[in-house]
C-alpha atoms as a PDB file:
ATOM      1  CA  MET A   1       0.000   0.000   0.000  1.00  0.00           C
ATOM      2  CA  ARG A   2       2.785   2.402   0.888  1.00  0.00           C
ATOM      3  CA  ALA A   3       4.404   1.806  -2.503  1.00  0.00           C
ATOM      4  CA  CYS A   4       1.113   2.560  -4.273  1.00  0.00           C
ATOM      5  CA  LYS A   5       0.720   5.838  -2.388  1.00  0.00           C
ATOM      6  CA  GLN A   6       4.321   6.762  -3.183  1.00  0.00           C
ATOM      7  CA  LEU A   7       3.795   5.922  -6.848  1.00  0.00           C
ATOM      8  CA  VAL A   8       0.922   8.355  -7.024  1.00  0.00           C
ATOM      9  CA  MET A   9       2.481  11.115  -4.941  1.00  0.00           C
ATOM     10  CA  TRP A  10       6.147  11.068  -5.929  1.00  0.00           C
ATOM     11  CA  PRO A  11       5.897  13.081  -9.184  1.00  0.00           C
ATOM     12  CA  VAL A  12       4.255  15.820  -7.160  1.00  0.00           C
ATOM     13  CA  ALA A  13       7.012  15.553  -4.571  1.00  0.00           C
ATOM     14  CA  LEU A  14       9.742  15.724  -7.209  1.00  0.00           C
ATOM     15  CA  LEU A  15       8.319  18.843  -8.751  1.00  0.00           C
ATOM     16  CA  LEU A  16       7.709  20.379  -5.354  1.00  0.00           C
ATOM     17  CA  ALA A  17      11.293  19.625  -4.385  1.00  0.00           C
ATOM     18  CA  ALA A  18      12.513  21.170  -7.608  1.00  0.00           C
ATOM     19  CA  GLY A  19      10.269  24.194  -7.244  1.00  0.00           C
ATOM     20  CA  SER A  20      10.542  24.645  -3.503  1.00  0.00           C
ATOM     21  CA  CYS A  21      13.832  26.438  -3.612  1.00  0.00           C
ATOM     22  CA  ASN A  22      13.338  30.158  -3.122  1.00  0.00           C
ATOM     23  CA  VAL A  23      14.310  31.529  -6.495  1.00  0.00           C
ATOM     24  CA  SER A  24      13.098  34.896  -7.682  1.00  0.00           C
ATOM     25  CA  ALA A  25      11.644  35.282 -11.146  1.00  0.00           C
ATOM     26  CA  GLU A  26      14.832  37.040 -12.234  1.00  0.00           C
ATOM     27  CA  GLN A  27      17.025  34.221 -10.930  1.00  0.00           C
ATOM     28  CA  SER A  28      14.909  31.542 -12.589  1.00  0.00           C
ATOM     29  CA  LYS A  29      15.364  33.003 -16.080  1.00  0.00           C
ATOM     30  CA  PRO A  30      17.814  30.913 -18.060  1.00  0.00           C
ATOM     31  CA  THR A  31      21.266  32.403 -18.361  1.00  0.00           C
ATOM     32  CA  PRO A  32      23.390  31.771 -21.428  1.00  0.00           C
ATOM     33  CA  SER A  33      25.105  28.923 -19.566  1.00  0.00           C
ATOM     34  CA  THR A  34      21.841  27.272 -18.458  1.00  0.00           C
ATOM     35  CA  ALA A  35      19.566  28.059 -21.390  1.00  0.00           C
ATOM     36  CA  LEU A  36      18.394  25.083 -23.390  1.00  0.00           C
ATOM     37  CA  PRO A  37      20.535  24.854 -26.498  1.00  0.00           C
ATOM     38  CA  VAL A  38      18.726  25.444 -29.743  1.00  0.00           C
ATOM     39  CA  ARG A  39      19.074  22.421 -31.992  1.00  0.00           C
ATOM     40  CA  ALA A  40      17.883  22.646 -35.580  1.00  0.00           C
ATOM     41  CA  HIS A  41      16.922  19.315 -37.134  1.00  0.00           C
ATOM     42  CA  GLN A  42      17.738  17.361 -33.989  1.00  0.00           C
ATOM     43  CA  SER A  43      14.995  15.621 -32.071  1.00  0.00           C
ATOM     44  CA  SER A  44      16.776  15.327 -28.738  1.00  0.00           C
ATOM     45  CA  LEU A  45      19.942  15.984 -26.801  1.00  0.00           C
ATOM     46  CA  ARG A  46      22.409  13.156 -26.384  1.00  0.00           C
ATOM     47  CA  TRP A  47      23.747  12.502 -22.884  1.00  0.00           C
ATOM     48  CA  ASN A  48      27.310  13.410 -23.884  1.00  0.00           C
ATOM     49  CA  GLU A  49      26.076  16.792 -25.200  1.00  0.00           C
ATOM     50  CA  LEU A  50      24.827  17.874 -21.767  1.00  0.00           C
ATOM     51  CA  SER A  51      26.986  20.096 -19.598  1.00  0.00           C
ATOM     52  CA  ALA A  52      28.837  18.442 -16.731  1.00  0.00           C
ATOM     53  CA  GLN A  53      26.511  20.254 -14.311  1.00  0.00           C
ATOM     54  CA  ARG A  54      23.400  18.875 -15.994  1.00  0.00           C
ATOM     55  CA  ARG A  55      24.864  15.355 -16.212  1.00  0.00           C
ATOM     56  CA  ALA A  56      25.657  15.447 -12.492  1.00  0.00           C
ATOM     57  CA  ALA A  57      22.121  16.584 -11.624  1.00  0.00           C
ATOM     58  CA  LEU A  58      20.479  14.019 -13.913  1.00  0.00           C
ATOM     59  CA  SER A  59      22.921  11.168 -13.266  1.00  0.00           C
ATOM     60  CA  PRO A  60      20.173   8.707 -12.234  1.00  0.00           C
ATOM     61  CA  LEU A  61      18.695   9.090 -15.745  1.00  0.00           C
ATOM     62  CA  GLN A  62      21.945   8.456 -17.636  1.00  0.00           C
ATOM     63  CA  THR A  63      21.185   4.914 -18.819  1.00  0.00           C
ATOM     64  CA  ASP A  64      17.743   5.902 -20.154  1.00  0.00           C
ATOM     65  CA  TRP A  65      18.499   9.465 -21.282  1.00  0.00           C
ATOM     66  CA  ASP A  66      18.907   8.793 -24.999  1.00  0.00           C
ATOM     67  CA  LYS A  67      15.581   6.898 -25.050  1.00  0.00           C
ATOM     68  CA  ILE A  68      13.604   9.724 -23.394  1.00  0.00           C
ATOM     69  CA  GLU A  69      11.373  11.784 -25.697  1.00  0.00           C
ATOM     70  CA  GLU A  70      12.531  15.332 -26.420  1.00  0.00           C
ATOM     71  CA  ASP A  71       9.656  17.068 -24.590  1.00  0.00           C
ATOM     72  CA  ARG A  72      10.343  14.962 -21.480  1.00  0.00           C
ATOM     73  CA  GLN A  73      14.072  15.654 -21.743  1.00  0.00           C
ATOM     74  CA  LYS A  74      13.308  19.375 -21.698  1.00  0.00           C
ATOM     75  CA  LYS A  75      11.289  18.961 -18.490  1.00  0.00           C
ATOM     76  CA  TRP A  76      14.171  17.088 -16.858  1.00  0.00           C
ATOM     77  CA  LEU A  77      16.561  19.822 -18.013  1.00  0.00           C
ATOM     78  CA  VAL A  78      14.453  22.436 -16.224  1.00  0.00           C
ATOM     79  CA  ILE A  79      14.896  20.432 -13.024  1.00  0.00           C
ATOM     80  CA  ALA A  80      18.624  20.050 -13.729  1.00  0.00           C
ATOM     81  CA  ASP A  81      18.959  23.805 -14.156  1.00  0.00           C
ATOM     82  CA  LYS A  82      17.312  24.389 -10.762  1.00  0.00           C
ATOM     83  CA  PHE A  83      19.413  21.674  -9.119  1.00  0.00           C
ATOM     84  CA  SER A  84      22.333  23.935  -8.153  1.00  0.00           C
ATOM     85  CA  THR A  85      19.963  26.296  -6.308  1.00  0.00           C
ATOM     86  CA  MET A  86      18.603  23.466  -4.129  1.00  0.00           C
ATOM     87  CA  ASP A  87      20.049  22.675  -0.736  1.00  0.00           C
ATOM     88  CA  ALA A  88      21.729  19.287  -0.218  1.00  0.00           C
ATOM     89  CA  GLU A  89      18.556  17.687   1.181  1.00  0.00           C
ATOM     90  CA  GLN A  90      16.467  18.822  -1.790  1.00  0.00           C
ATOM     91  CA  GLN A  91      19.127  17.592  -4.217  1.00  0.00           C
ATOM     92  CA  ALA A  92      19.252  14.185  -2.531  1.00  0.00           C
ATOM     93  CA  ARG A  93      15.454  13.937  -2.567  1.00  0.00           C
ATOM     94  CA  ALA A  94      15.267  14.938  -6.252  1.00  0.00           C
ATOM     95  CA  GLN A  95      17.870  12.358  -7.262  1.00  0.00           C
ATOM     96  CA  SER A  96      16.185   9.706  -5.135  1.00  0.00           C
ATOM     97  CA  ARG A  97      12.947  10.402  -6.998  1.00  0.00           C
ATOM     98  CA  MET A  98      14.805  10.136 -10.307  1.00  0.00           C
ATOM     99  CA  HIS A  99      16.099   6.697  -9.277  1.00  0.00           C
ATOM    100  CA  GLU A 100      12.515   5.673  -8.458  1.00  0.00           C
ATOM    101  CA  TRP A 101      11.312   7.034 -11.797  1.00  0.00           C
ATOM    102  CA  VAL A 102      13.886   5.033 -13.760  1.00  0.00           C
ATOM    103  CA  ALA A 103      12.760   1.880 -11.931  1.00  0.00           C
ATOM    104  CA  LEU A 104       9.097   2.352 -12.943  1.00  0.00           C
ATOM    105  CA  LYS A 105       7.577   0.470 -15.843  1.00  0.00           C
ATOM    106  CA  PRO A 106       6.084   2.575 -18.680  1.00  0.00           C
ATOM    107  CA  GLU A 107       2.515   1.917 -17.469  1.00  0.00           C
ATOM    108  CA  GLN A 108       3.449   3.002 -13.947  1.00  0.00           C
ATOM    109  CA  ARG A 109       4.996   6.189 -15.354  1.00  0.00           C
ATOM    110  CA  ARG A 110       1.798   6.900 -17.304  1.00  0.00           C
ATOM    111  CA  ILE A 111      -0.287   6.488 -14.170  1.00  0.00           C
ATOM    112  CA  ALA A 112       2.085   8.716 -12.198  1.00  0.00           C
ATOM    113  CA  ARG A 113       1.881  11.432 -14.878  1.00  0.00           C
ATOM    114  CA  GLU A 114      -1.926  11.262 -14.881  1.00  0.00           C
ATOM    115  CA  SER A 115      -2.020  11.480 -11.100  1.00  0.00           C
ATOM    116  CA  TYR A 116       0.307  14.462 -11.176  1.00  0.00           C
ATOM    117  CA  LEU A 117      -1.851  16.259 -13.730  1.00  0.00           C
ATOM    118  CA  GLN A 118      -4.957  15.636 -11.615  1.00  0.00           C
ATOM    119  CA  ALA A 119      -3.203  16.870  -8.483  1.00  0.00           C
ATOM    120  CA  LYS A 120      -1.929  19.943 -10.330  1.00  0.00           C
ATOM    121  CA  LYS A 121      -5.525  20.957 -11.115  1.00  0.00           C
ATOM    122  CA  LEU A 122      -6.422  21.157  -7.415  1.00  0.00           C
ATOM    123  CA  ASP A 123      -5.740  24.324  -5.496  1.00  0.00           C
ATOM    124  CA  PRO A 124      -3.337  23.849  -2.547  1.00  0.00           C
ATOM    125  CA  ALA A 125      -6.084  24.046   0.095  1.00  0.00           C
ATOM    126  CA  GLN A 126      -8.114  21.333  -1.665  1.00  0.00           C
ATOM    127  CA  LYS A 127      -5.024  19.187  -2.105  1.00  0.00           C
ATOM    128  CA  ASN A 128      -4.087  19.471   1.575  1.00  0.00           C
ATOM    129  CA  ALA A 129      -7.645  18.727   2.691  1.00  0.00           C
ATOM    130  CA  LYS A 130      -7.822  15.610   0.497  1.00  0.00           C
ATOM    131  CA  TRP A 131      -4.441  14.415   1.732  1.00  0.00           C
ATOM    132  CA  GLU A 132      -5.433  14.930   5.368  1.00  0.00           C
ATOM    133  CA  ARG A 133      -8.681  13.005   4.842  1.00  0.00           C
ATOM    134  CA  TYR A 134      -6.759  10.199   3.177  1.00  0.00           C
ATOM    135  CA  GLN A 135      -4.204  10.077   6.021  1.00  0.00           C
ATOM    136  CA  GLN A 136      -7.055   9.623   8.529  1.00  0.00           C
ATOM    137  CA  LEU A 137      -8.401   6.523   6.775  1.00  0.00           C
ATOM    138  CA  PRO A 138      -7.760   3.104   8.289  1.00  0.00           C
ATOM    139  CA  GLU A 139      -5.160   0.987   6.461  1.00  0.00           C
ATOM    140  CA  ASP A 140      -7.762  -1.457   5.134  1.00  0.00           C
ATOM    141  CA  GLU A 141      -9.707   1.416   3.558  1.00  0.00           C
ATOM    142  CA  LYS A 142      -6.515   2.787   1.964  1.00  0.00           C
ATOM    143  CA  GLN A 143      -5.847  -0.683   0.562  1.00  0.00           C
ATOM    144  CA  ARG A 144      -9.391  -0.923  -0.800  1.00  0.00           C
ATOM    145  CA  LEU A 145      -9.032   2.460  -2.506  1.00  0.00           C
ATOM    146  CA  ALA A 146      -5.685   1.468  -4.012  1.00  0.00           C
ATOM    147  CA  GLU A 147      -7.152  -1.765  -5.381  1.00  0.00           C
ATOM    148  CA  ALA A 148     -10.176   0.054  -6.811  1.00  0.00           C
ATOM    149  CA  ALA A 149      -7.903   2.618  -8.489  1.00  0.00           C
ATOM    150  CA  ALA A 150      -5.714  -0.134  -9.944  1.00  0.00           C
ATOM    151  CA  LYS A 151      -8.770  -1.960 -11.266  1.00  0.00           C
ATOM    152  CA  LYS A 152     -10.123   1.258 -12.779  1.00  0.00           C
ATOM    153  CA  LYS A 153      -6.796   1.888 -14.519  1.00  0.00           C
ATOM    154  CA  ARG A 154      -6.724  -1.668 -15.898  1.00  0.00           C
ATOM    155  CA  LEU A 155     -10.247  -1.322 -17.281  1.00  0.00           C
ATOM    156  CA  ALA A 156      -9.478   2.060 -18.785  1.00  0.00           C
ATOM    157  CA  THR A 157      -6.522   0.680 -20.723  1.00  0.00           C
ATOM    158  CA  LEU A 158      -8.185  -2.370 -22.239  1.00  0.00           C
ATOM    159  CA  PRO A 159      -8.067  -2.344 -26.033  1.00  0.00           C
ATOM    160  CA  ALA A 160     -11.305  -2.098 -27.945  1.00  0.00           C
ATOM    161  CA  LEU A 161     -12.813  -5.392 -29.009  1.00  0.00           C
ATOM    162  CA  PRO A 162     -12.638  -6.145 -32.724  1.00  0.00           C
ATOM    163  CA  PRO A 163     -15.954  -6.147 -34.574  1.00  0.00           C
ATOM    164  CA  VAL A 164     -17.760  -9.476 -34.558  1.00  0.00           C
ATOM    165  CA  HIS A 165     -18.400 -10.854 -38.031  1.00  0.00           C
ATOM    166  CA  THR A 166     -21.409 -13.117 -38.464  1.00  0.00           C
ATOM    167  CA  ALA A 167     -22.115 -15.546 -41.233  1.00  0.00           C
ATOM    168  CA  PRO A 168     -24.521 -14.325 -43.936  1.00  0.00           C
ATOM    169  CA  GLY A 169     -28.129 -14.888 -42.996  1.00  0.00           C
ATOM    170  CA  LYS A 170     -27.426 -15.076 -39.238  1.00  0.00           C
ATOM    171  CA  PRO A 171     -28.155 -12.161 -36.892  1.00  0.00           C
END
């Protein structure tokens, strides 16, 4: 059960860790050294093209980096660019979450992204209230909710059935 809760909540935690450092709007603007390089006719950045600072921040993703889609790479690069402004605890937490992310299966990543997007839509007061209510539930109820959510996800991802062909003259 704990793993299920972490699976759902960790993308939120990673982004909160990345965004929790107190950086002013001026400081968060990319500088020439941290700006994303412009690449014409190239779909993604190769690991060896990243700066040493970015490679250090994203080290847990090294083995999968060249397989990550360009738009997702850009999101990781935003986190990498904020990495140096985080304190040691935030950096450790962010890299721990990256290790967890790499260990997830594609379906688990999809579910985590969907959960993050749903959580992002809630205002902070709603999010805190829902989390507090969830924390108050007995363990068996949390388990039941996790199983129901897993079942719902499985049903939602079933492929459509092919059309049934009948013999001529039969309904």
